[in-house]
Amino acid sequence: MVTLGGRGAVVADGRTATVVPAFPVTPVDTVAAGDIFNACLAVALAEGRTLAEAVRFASAGAAISVTRAGAQDSAPIRHDIEALAGGGRGWAGRR
């Protein structure tokens, strides 16, 4: 897996490569984006999601986090991550 910031990520398994596009958001503060991405990736993988699914979940978490100022305060709740990763319905940029 290679993260590409605002351009998304690429997931490769030796046979195929999948581009996971970034979620379009207006960034406010990127201070915790990497930490949030890694935490969400670990959660999704621990739950048994595929790597591509986990990267999408992690990208959603990081996308939400950059719309908020600060580190700890930018951490999104699971409901918002699931809503954005599932197509954006239900996530309205709320805290």
PDB file of N, CA and C in Angstrom:
ATOM      1  N   MET A   1       0.841  -1.161   0.000  1.00  0.00           N
ATOM      2  CA  MET A   1       0.000   0.000   0.000  1.00  0.00           C
ATOM      3  C   MET A   1       0.890   1.229   0.000  1.00  0.00           C
ATOM      4  N   VAL A   2       0.493   2.193  -0.799  1.00  0.00           N
ATOM      5  CA  VAL A   2       1.174   3.475  -0.845  1.00  0.00           C
ATOM      6  C   VAL A   2       0.109   4.557  -0.716  1.00  0.00           C
ATOM      7  N   THR A   3       0.277   5.438   0.265  1.00  0.00           N
ATOM      8  CA  THR A   3      -0.659   6.546   0.403  1.00  0.00           C
ATOM      9  C   THR A   3      -0.162   7.715  -0.434  1.00  0.00           C
ATOM     10  N   LEU A   4      -1.121   8.439  -1.007  1.00  0.00           N
ATOM     11  CA  LEU A   4      -0.805   9.545  -1.910  1.00  0.00           C
ATOM     12  C   LEU A   4      -1.448  10.850  -1.452  1.00  0.00           C
ATOM     13  N   GLY A   5      -1.704  10.962  -0.155  1.00  0.00           N
ATOM     14  CA  GLY A   5      -2.307  12.187   0.373  1.00  0.00           C
ATOM     15  C   GLY A   5      -3.661  12.454  -0.239  1.00  0.00           C
ATOM     16  N   GLY A   6      -3.834  13.647  -0.730  1.00  0.00           N
ATOM     17  CA  GLY A   6      -5.103  14.057  -1.313  1.00  0.00           C
ATOM     18  C   GLY A   6      -5.449  13.360  -2.610  1.00  0.00           C
ATOM     19  N   ARG A   7      -4.534  12.538  -3.134  1.00  0.00           N
ATOM     20  CA  ARG A   7      -4.811  11.782  -4.357  1.00  0.00           C
ATOM     21  C   ARG A   7      -5.268  10.363  -4.075  1.00  0.00           C
ATOM     22  N   GLY A   8      -5.311   9.961  -2.796  1.00  0.00           N
ATOM     23  CA  GLY A   8      -5.793   8.626  -2.459  1.00  0.00           C
ATOM     24  C   GLY A   8      -4.676   7.684  -2.060  1.00  0.00           C
ATOM     25  N   ALA A   9      -4.828   6.426  -2.461  1.00  0.00           N
ATOM     26  CA  ALA A   9      -3.845   5.397  -2.125  1.00  0.00           C
ATOM     27  C   ALA A   9      -3.868   4.316  -3.197  1.00  0.00           C
ATOM     28  N   VAL A  10      -2.789   3.555  -3.259  1.00  0.00           N
ATOM     29  CA  VAL A  10      -2.705   2.416  -4.163  1.00  0.00           C
ATOM     30  C   VAL A  10      -2.460   1.176  -3.317  1.00  0.00           C
ATOM     31  N   VAL A  11      -3.243   0.142  -3.574  1.00  0.00           N
ATOM     32  CA  VAL A  11      -3.106  -1.125  -2.872  1.00  0.00           C
ATOM     33  C   VAL A  11      -2.701  -2.174  -3.901  1.00  0.00           C
ATOM     34  N   ALA A  12      -1.600  -2.875  -3.646  1.00  0.00           N
ATOM     35  CA  ALA A  12      -1.131  -3.911  -4.565  1.00  0.00           C
ATOM     36  C   ALA A  12      -0.859  -5.183  -3.782  1.00  0.00           C
ATOM     37  N   ASP A  13      -1.192  -6.332  -4.406  1.00  0.00           N
ATOM     38  CA  ASP A  13      -0.972  -7.614  -3.734  1.00  0.00           C
ATOM     39  C   ASP A  13      -0.023  -8.525  -4.507  1.00  0.00           C
ATOM     40  N   GLY A  14       0.679  -7.995  -5.480  1.00  0.00           N
ATOM     41  CA  GLY A  14       1.582  -8.800  -6.289  1.00  0.00           C
ATOM     42  C   GLY A  14       0.959  -9.262  -7.592  1.00  0.00           C
ATOM     43  N   ARG A  15      -0.369  -9.285  -7.635  1.00  0.00           N
ATOM     44  CA  ARG A  15      -1.085  -9.680  -8.850  1.00  0.00           C
ATOM     45  C   ARG A  15      -1.864  -8.510  -9.440  1.00  0.00           C
ATOM     46  N   THR A  16      -2.466  -7.725  -8.578  1.00  0.00           N
ATOM     47  CA  THR A  16      -3.272  -6.597  -9.030  1.00  0.00           C
ATOM     48  C   THR A  16      -2.925  -5.357  -8.211  1.00  0.00           C
ATOM     49  N   ALA A  17      -3.253  -4.220  -8.768  1.00  0.00           N
ATOM     50  CA  ALA A  17      -3.111  -2.947  -8.056  1.00  0.00           C
ATOM     51  C   ALA A  17      -4.448  -2.231  -8.137  1.00  0.00           C
ATOM     52  N   THR A  18      -4.887  -1.701  -7.012  1.00  0.00           N
ATOM     53  CA  THR A  18      -6.162  -1.007  -6.935  1.00  0.00           C
ATOM     54  C   THR A  18      -5.926   0.404  -6.451  1.00  0.00           C
ATOM     55  N   VAL A  19      -6.492   1.374  -7.150  1.00  0.00           N
ATOM     56  CA  VAL A  19      -6.424   2.755  -6.708  1.00  0.00           C
ATOM     57  C   VAL A  19      -7.643   3.018  -5.833  1.00  0.00           C
ATOM     58  N   VAL A  20      -7.397   3.521  -4.639  1.00  0.00           N
ATOM     59  CA  VAL A  20      -8.469   3.921  -3.733  1.00  0.00           C
ATOM     60  C   VAL A  20      -8.472   5.444  -3.742  1.00  0.00           C
ATOM     61  N   PRO A  21      -9.458   6.053  -4.400  1.00  0.00           N
ATOM     62  CA  PRO A  21      -9.445   7.506  -4.518  1.00  0.00           C
ATOM     63  C   PRO A  21      -9.651   8.191  -3.168  1.00  0.00           C
ATOM     64  N   ALA A  22      -9.116   9.391  -3.066  1.00  0.00           N
ATOM     65  CA  ALA A  22      -9.310  10.194  -1.856  1.00  0.00           C
ATOM     66  C   ALA A  22     -10.734  10.730  -1.833  1.00  0.00           C
ATOM     67  N   PHE A  23     -11.202  11.036  -0.645  1.00  0.00           N
ATOM     68  CA  PHE A  23     -12.511  11.660  -0.496  1.00  0.00           C
ATOM     69  C   PHE A  23     -12.333  13.171  -0.653  1.00  0.00           C
ATOM     70  N   PRO A  24     -13.177  13.812  -1.451  1.00  0.00           N
ATOM     71  CA  PRO A  24     -13.026  15.255  -1.656  1.00  0.00           C
ATOM     72  C   PRO A  24     -13.508  16.039  -0.432  1.00  0.00           C
ATOM     73  N   VAL A  25     -12.577  16.632   0.271  1.00  0.00           N
ATOM     74  CA  VAL A  25     -12.890  17.470   1.419  1.00  0.00           C
ATOM     75  C   VAL A  25     -12.047  18.733   1.338  1.00  0.00           C
ATOM     76  N   THR A  26     -12.427  19.737   2.091  1.00  0.00           N
ATOM     77  CA  THR A  26     -11.630  20.952   2.189  1.00  0.00           C
ATOM     78  C   THR A  26     -10.819  20.861   3.470  1.00  0.00           C
ATOM     79  N   PRO A  27      -9.499  20.680   3.358  1.00  0.00           N
ATOM     80  CA  PRO A  27      -8.685  20.500   4.562  1.00  0.00           C
ATOM     81  C   PRO A  27      -8.567  21.782   5.381  1.00  0.00           C
ATOM     82  N   VAL A  28      -8.583  21.580   6.699  1.00  0.00           N
ATOM     83  CA  VAL A  28      -8.393  22.660   7.661  1.00  0.00           C
ATOM     84  C   VAL A  28      -7.052  22.478   8.364  1.00  0.00           C
ATOM     85  N   ASP A  29      -6.754  21.227   8.753  1.00  0.00           N
ATOM     86  CA  ASP A  29      -5.544  20.930   9.515  1.00  0.00           C
ATOM     87  C   ASP A  29      -5.205  19.451   9.294  1.00  0.00           C
ATOM     88  N   THR A  30      -4.006  19.178   8.848  1.00  0.00           N
ATOM     89  CA  THR A  30      -3.620  17.795   8.533  1.00  0.00           C
ATOM     90  C   THR A  30      -2.784  17.147   9.624  1.00  0.00           C
ATOM     91  N   VAL A  31      -2.709  17.778  10.795  1.00  0.00           N
ATOM     92  CA  VAL A  31      -1.784  17.331  11.832  1.00  0.00           C
ATOM     93  C   VAL A  31      -1.957  15.870  12.242  1.00  0.00           C
ATOM     94  N   ALA A  32      -3.154  15.338  12.253  1.00  0.00           N
ATOM     95  CA  ALA A  32      -3.364  13.971  12.738  1.00  0.00           C
ATOM     96  C   ALA A  32      -3.790  13.000  11.638  1.00  0.00           C
ATOM     97  N   ALA A  33      -3.752  13.424  10.406  1.00  0.00           N
ATOM     98  CA  ALA A  33      -4.267  12.592   9.313  1.00  0.00           C
ATOM     99  C   ALA A  33      -3.587  11.227   9.242  1.00  0.00           C
ATOM    100  N   GLY A  34      -2.284  11.184   9.346  1.00  0.00           N
ATOM    101  CA  GLY A  34      -1.571   9.911   9.274  1.00  0.00           C
ATOM    102  C   GLY A  34      -1.891   9.002  10.441  1.00  0.00           C
ATOM    103  N   ASP A  35      -1.965   9.569  11.628  1.00  0.00           N
ATOM    104  CA  ASP A  35      -2.302   8.773  12.810  1.00  0.00           C
ATOM    105  C   ASP A  35      -3.714   8.206  12.701  1.00  0.00           C
ATOM    106  N   ILE A  36      -4.646   9.029  12.260  1.00  0.00           N
ATOM    107  CA  ILE A  36      -6.033   8.579  12.101  1.00  0.00           C
ATOM    108  C   ILE A  36      -6.106   7.497  11.018  1.00  0.00           C
ATOM    109  N   PHE A  37      -5.412   7.712   9.901  1.00  0.00           N
ATOM    110  CA  PHE A  37      -5.391   6.715   8.828  1.00  0.00           C
ATOM    111  C   PHE A  37      -4.902   5.372   9.365  1.00  0.00           C
ATOM    112  N   ASN A  38      -3.778   5.379  10.061  1.00  0.00           N
ATOM    113  CA  ASN A  38      -3.199   4.130  10.572  1.00  0.00           C
ATOM    114  C   ASN A  38      -4.104   3.452  11.589  1.00  0.00           C
ATOM    115  N   ALA A  39      -4.721   4.225  12.460  1.00  0.00           N
ATOM    116  CA  ALA A  39      -5.624   3.649  13.465  1.00  0.00           C
ATOM    117  C   ALA A  39      -6.836   3.007  12.785  1.00  0.00           C
ATOM    118  N   CYS A  40      -7.413   3.715  11.831  1.00  0.00           N
ATOM    119  CA  CYS A  40      -8.580   3.178  11.118  1.00  0.00           C
ATOM    120  C   CYS A  40      -8.202   1.951  10.296  1.00  0.00           C
ATOM    121  N   LEU A  41      -7.030   1.969   9.690  1.00  0.00           N
ATOM    122  CA  LEU A  41      -6.564   0.815   8.926  1.00  0.00           C
ATOM    123  C   LEU A  41      -6.427  -0.400   9.833  1.00  0.00           C
ATOM    124  N   ALA A  42      -5.839  -0.215  11.000  1.00  0.00           N
ATOM    125  CA  ALA A  42      -5.665  -1.323  11.946  1.00  0.00           C
ATOM    126  C   ALA A  42      -7.007  -1.883  12.404  1.00  0.00           C
ATOM    127  N   VAL A  43      -7.959  -1.001  12.696  1.00  0.00           N
ATOM    128  CA  VAL A  43      -9.287  -1.448  13.128  1.00  0.00           C
ATOM    129  C   VAL A  43      -9.947  -2.272  12.027  1.00  0.00           C
ATOM    130  N   ALA A  44      -9.933  -1.753  10.810  1.00  0.00           N
ATOM    131  CA  ALA A  44     -10.595  -2.440   9.704  1.00  0.00           C
ATOM    132  C   ALA A  44      -9.950  -3.794   9.415  1.00  0.00           C
ATOM    133  N   LEU A  45      -8.632  -3.862   9.445  1.00  0.00           N
ATOM    134  CA  LEU A  45      -7.959  -5.136   9.214  1.00  0.00           C
ATOM    135  C   LEU A  45      -8.249  -6.127  10.340  1.00  0.00           C
ATOM    136  N   ALA A  46      -8.279  -5.639  11.580  1.00  0.00           N
ATOM    137  CA  ALA A  46      -8.578  -6.511  12.727  1.00  0.00           C
ATOM    138  C   ALA A  46      -9.997  -7.063  12.638  1.00  0.00           C
ATOM    139  N   GLU A  47     -10.880  -6.324  11.986  1.00  0.00           N
ATOM    140  CA  GLU A  47     -12.258  -6.779  11.808  1.00  0.00           C
ATOM    141  C   GLU A  47     -12.416  -7.737  10.624  1.00  0.00           C
ATOM    142  N   GLY A  48     -11.329  -7.977   9.898  1.00  0.00           N
ATOM    143  CA  GLY A  48     -11.370  -8.934   8.807  1.00  0.00           C
ATOM    144  C   GLY A  48     -11.682  -8.357   7.444  1.00  0.00           C
ATOM    145  N   ARG A  49     -11.634  -7.046   7.291  1.00  0.00           N
ATOM    146  CA  ARG A  49     -11.877  -6.455   5.977  1.00  0.00           C
ATOM    147  C   ARG A  49     -10.687  -6.734   5.058  1.00  0.00           C
ATOM    148  N   THR A  50     -10.933  -6.713   3.761  1.00  0.00           N
ATOM    149  CA  THR A  50      -9.836  -6.844   2.815  1.00  0.00           C
ATOM    150  C   THR A  50      -8.964  -5.597   2.917  1.00  0.00           C
ATOM    151  N   LEU A  51      -7.756  -5.679   2.364  1.00  0.00           N
ATOM    152  CA  LEU A  51      -6.871  -4.522   2.422  1.00  0.00           C
ATOM    153  C   LEU A  51      -7.476  -3.327   1.694  1.00  0.00           C
ATOM    154  N   ALA A  52      -8.086  -3.538   0.544  1.00  0.00           N
ATOM    155  CA  ALA A  52      -8.712  -2.434  -0.199  1.00  0.00           C
ATOM    156  C   ALA A  52      -9.854  -1.812   0.605  1.00  0.00           C
ATOM    157  N   GLU A  53     -10.672  -2.650   1.233  1.00  0.00           N
ATOM    158  CA  GLU A  53     -11.767  -2.130   2.068  1.00  0.00           C
ATOM    159  C   GLU A  53     -11.216  -1.369   3.263  1.00  0.00           C
ATOM    160  N   ALA A  54     -10.163  -1.902   3.868  1.00  0.00           N
ATOM    161  CA  ALA A  54      -9.557  -1.256   5.034  1.00  0.00           C
ATOM    162  C   ALA A  54      -8.960   0.096   4.667  1.00  0.00           C
ATOM    163  N   VAL A  55      -8.349   0.163   3.491  1.00  0.00           N
ATOM    164  CA  VAL A  55      -7.769   1.433   3.047  1.00  0.00           C
ATOM    165  C   VAL A  55      -8.878   2.453   2.781  1.00  0.00           C
ATOM    166  N   ARG A  56      -9.982   2.033   2.228  1.00  0.00           N
ATOM    167  CA  ARG A  56     -11.114   2.959   2.016  1.00  0.00           C
ATOM    168  C   ARG A  56     -11.630   3.481   3.355  1.00  0.00           C
ATOM    169  N   PHE A  57     -11.790   2.603   4.331  1.00  0.00           N
ATOM    170  CA  PHE A  57     -12.233   2.996   5.670  1.00  0.00           C
ATOM    171  C   PHE A  57     -11.226   3.973   6.286  1.00  0.00           C
ATOM    172  N   ALA A  58      -9.943   3.644   6.161  1.00  0.00           N
ATOM    173  CA  ALA A  58      -8.892   4.502   6.713  1.00  0.00           C
ATOM    174  C   ALA A  58      -8.855   5.856   6.013  1.00  0.00           C
ATOM    175  N   SER A  59      -9.055   5.853   4.706  1.00  0.00           N
ATOM    176  CA  SER A  59      -9.073   7.110   3.956  1.00  0.00           C
ATOM    177  C   SER A  59     -10.237   7.991   4.379  1.00  0.00           C
ATOM    178  N   ALA A  60     -11.370   7.362   4.655  1.00  0.00           N
ATOM    179  CA  ALA A  60     -12.527   8.126   5.130  1.00  0.00           C
ATOM    180  C   ALA A  60     -12.230   8.757   6.486  1.00  0.00           C
ATOM    181  N   GLY A  61     -11.631   7.984   7.385  1.00  0.00           N
ATOM    182  CA  GLY A  61     -11.279   8.529   8.696  1.00  0.00           C
ATOM    183  C   GLY A  61     -10.316   9.684   8.594  1.00  0.00           C
ATOM    184  N   ALA A  62      -9.291   9.540   7.756  1.00  0.00           N
ATOM    185  CA  ALA A  62      -8.314  10.612   7.581  1.00  0.00           C
ATOM    186  C   ALA A  62      -8.946  11.833   6.915  1.00  0.00           C
ATOM    187  N   ALA A  63      -9.828  11.603   5.948  1.00  0.00           N
ATOM    188  CA  ALA A  63     -10.495  12.717   5.271  1.00  0.00           C
ATOM    189  C   ALA A  63     -11.317  13.543   6.256  1.00  0.00           C
ATOM    190  N   ILE A  64     -12.031  12.862   7.121  1.00  0.00           N
ATOM    191  CA  ILE A  64     -12.815  13.584   8.123  1.00  0.00           C
ATOM    192  C   ILE A  64     -11.892  14.353   9.060  1.00  0.00           C
ATOM    193  N   SER A  65     -10.804  13.717   9.462  1.00  0.00           N
ATOM    194  CA  SER A  65      -9.908  14.363  10.436  1.00  0.00           C
ATOM    195  C   SER A  65      -9.316  15.663   9.913  1.00  0.00           C
ATOM    196  N   VAL A  66      -9.029  15.736   8.612  1.00  0.00           N
ATOM    197  CA  VAL A  66      -8.417  16.961   8.092  1.00  0.00           C
ATOM    198  C   VAL A  66      -9.405  18.116   7.972  1.00  0.00           C
ATOM    199  N   THR A  67     -10.693  17.837   8.160  1.00  0.00           N
ATOM    200  CA  THR A  67     -11.685  18.919   8.123  1.00  0.00           C
ATOM    201  C   THR A  67     -11.829  19.603   9.470  1.00  0.00           C
ATOM    202  N   ARG A  68     -11.041  19.168  10.445  1.00  0.00           N
ATOM    203  CA  ARG A  68     -11.123  19.689  11.809  1.00  0.00           C
ATOM    204  C   ARG A  68      -9.746  20.117  12.291  1.00  0.00           C
ATOM    205  N   ALA A  69      -9.720  21.117  13.131  1.00  0.00           N
ATOM    206  CA  ALA A  69      -8.456  21.601  13.688  1.00  0.00           C
ATOM    207  C   ALA A  69      -8.018  20.739  14.864  1.00  0.00           C
ATOM    208  N   GLY A  70      -6.704  20.631  15.018  1.00  0.00           N
ATOM    209  CA  GLY A  70      -6.149  19.933  16.165  1.00  0.00           C
ATOM    210  C   GLY A  70      -5.882  18.473  15.885  1.00  0.00           C
ATOM    211  N   ALA A  71      -5.320  17.822  16.882  1.00  0.00           N
ATOM    212  CA  ALA A  71      -4.985  16.403  16.740  1.00  0.00           C
ATOM    213  C   ALA A  71      -6.088  15.546  17.343  1.00  0.00           C
ATOM    214  N   GLN A  72      -6.162  15.520  18.647  1.00  0.00           N
ATOM    215  CA  GLN A  72      -7.154  14.675  19.314  1.00  0.00           C
ATOM    216  C   GLN A  72      -8.572  15.089  18.946  1.00  0.00           C
ATOM    217  N   ASP A  73      -8.817  16.384  18.843  1.00  0.00           N
ATOM    218  CA  ASP A  73     -10.158  16.866  18.508  1.00  0.00           C
ATOM    219  C   ASP A  73     -10.590  16.519  17.093  1.00  0.00           C
ATOM    220  N   SER A  74      -9.645  16.163  16.240  1.00  0.00           N
ATOM    221  CA  SER A  74      -9.998  15.854  14.856  1.00  0.00           C
ATOM    222  C   SER A  74     -10.392  14.399  14.647  1.00  0.00           C
ATOM    223  N   ALA A  75     -10.215  13.562  15.660  1.00  0.00           N
ATOM    224  CA  ALA A  75     -10.532  12.135  15.518  1.00  0.00           C
ATOM    225  C   ALA A  75     -12.039  11.944  15.307  1.00  0.00           C
ATOM    226  N   PRO A  76     -12.412  11.305  14.210  1.00  0.00           N
ATOM    227  CA  PRO A  76     -13.836  11.120  13.919  1.00  0.00           C
ATOM    228  C   PRO A  76     -14.437   9.943  14.688  1.00  0.00           C
ATOM    229  N   ILE A  77     -15.751   9.944  14.783  1.00  0.00           N
ATOM    230  CA  ILE A  77     -16.439   8.804  15.378  1.00  0.00           C
ATOM    231  C   ILE A  77     -16.745   7.782  14.268  1.00  0.00           C
ATOM    232  N   ARG A  78     -16.896   6.547  14.687  1.00  0.00           N
ATOM    233  CA  ARG A  78     -17.074   5.451  13.732  1.00  0.00           C
ATOM    234  C   ARG A  78     -18.265   5.671  12.798  1.00  0.00           C
ATOM    235  N   HIS A  79     -19.367   6.139  13.336  1.00  0.00           N
ATOM    236  CA  HIS A  79     -20.563   6.351  12.519  1.00  0.00           C
ATOM    237  C   HIS A  79     -20.247   7.258  11.327  1.00  0.00           C
ATOM    238  N   ASP A  80     -19.505   8.331  11.565  1.00  0.00           N
ATOM    239  CA  ASP A  80     -19.164   9.252  10.483  1.00  0.00           C
ATOM    240  C   ASP A  80     -18.214   8.617   9.477  1.00  0.00           C
ATOM    241  N   ILE A  81     -17.283   7.810   9.962  1.00  0.00           N
ATOM    242  CA  ILE A  81     -16.357   7.123   9.048  1.00  0.00           C
ATOM    243  C   ILE A  81     -17.137   6.162   8.157  1.00  0.00           C
ATOM    244  N   GLU A  82     -18.010   5.359   8.760  1.00  0.00           N
ATOM    245  CA  GLU A  82     -18.815   4.402   7.997  1.00  0.00           C
ATOM    246  C   GLU A  82     -19.702   5.132   6.993  1.00  0.00           C
ATOM    247  N   ALA A  83     -20.283   6.261   7.405  1.00  0.00           N
ATOM    248  CA  ALA A  83     -21.164   7.008   6.510  1.00  0.00           C
ATOM    249  C   ALA A  83     -20.400   7.534   5.306  1.00  0.00           C
ATOM    250  N   LEU A  84     -19.224   8.113   5.526  1.00  0.00           N
ATOM    251  CA  LEU A  84     -18.450   8.640   4.405  1.00  0.00           C
ATOM    252  C   LEU A  84     -17.912   7.504   3.540  1.00  0.00           C
ATOM    253  N   ALA A  85     -17.381   6.458   4.136  1.00  0.00           N
ATOM    254  CA  ALA A  85     -16.833   5.329   3.377  1.00  0.00           C
ATOM    255  C   ALA A  85     -17.915   4.623   2.573  1.00  0.00           C
ATOM    256  N   GLY A  86     -19.145   4.676   3.071  1.00  0.00           N
ATOM    257  CA  GLY A  86     -20.252   4.012   2.394  1.00  0.00           C
ATOM    258  C   GLY A  86     -20.923   4.839   1.321  1.00  0.00           C
ATOM    259  N   GLY A  87     -20.349   5.970   1.001  1.00  0.00           N
ATOM    260  CA  GLY A  87     -20.913   6.774  -0.076  1.00  0.00           C
ATOM    261  C   GLY A  87     -21.242   8.192   0.318  1.00  0.00           C
ATOM    262  N   GLY A  88     -20.950   8.548   1.557  1.00  0.00           N
ATOM    263  CA  GLY A  88     -21.130   9.929   1.970  1.00  0.00           C
ATOM    264  C   GLY A  88     -22.470  10.246   2.592  1.00  0.00           C
ATOM    265  N   ARG A  89     -23.449   9.362   2.444  1.00  0.00           N
ATOM    266  CA  ARG A  89     -24.756   9.641   3.035  1.00  0.00           C
ATOM    267  C   ARG A  89     -24.665   9.532   4.552  1.00  0.00           C
ATOM    268  N   GLY A  90     -25.168  10.520   5.230  1.00  0.00           N
ATOM    269  CA  GLY A  90     -25.166  10.487   6.685  1.00  0.00           C
ATOM    270  C   GLY A  90     -24.027  11.248   7.314  1.00  0.00           C
ATOM    271  N   TRP A  91     -23.032  11.630   6.516  1.00  0.00           N
ATOM    272  CA  TRP A  91     -21.935  12.422   7.061  1.00  0.00           C
ATOM    273  C   TRP A  91     -22.041  13.821   6.492  1.00  0.00           C
ATOM    274  N   ALA A  92     -22.191  14.765   7.388  1.00  0.00           N
ATOM    275  CA  ALA A  92     -22.365  16.149   6.949  1.00  0.00           C
ATOM    276  C   ALA A  92     -21.282  17.052   7.511  1.00  0.00           C
ATOM    277  N   GLY A  93     -20.121  16.502   7.757  1.00  0.00           N
ATOM    278  CA  GLY A  93     -19.027  17.309   8.272  1.00  0.00           C
ATOM    279  C   GLY A  93     -19.208  17.692   9.725  1.00  0.00           C
ATOM    280  N   ARG A  94     -19.983  16.915  10.441  1.00  0.00           N
ATOM    281  CA  ARG A  94     -20.257  17.259  11.833  1.00  0.00           C
ATOM    282  C   ARG A  94     -19.177  16.733  12.764  1.00  0.00           C
ATOM    283  N   ARG A  95     -19.176  17.219  13.957  1.00  0.00           N
ATOM    284  CA  ARG A  95     -18.252  16.748  15.001  1.00  0.00           C
ATOM    285  C   ARG A  95     -18.869  15.594  15.727  1.00  0.00           C
TER     286      ARG A  95
END
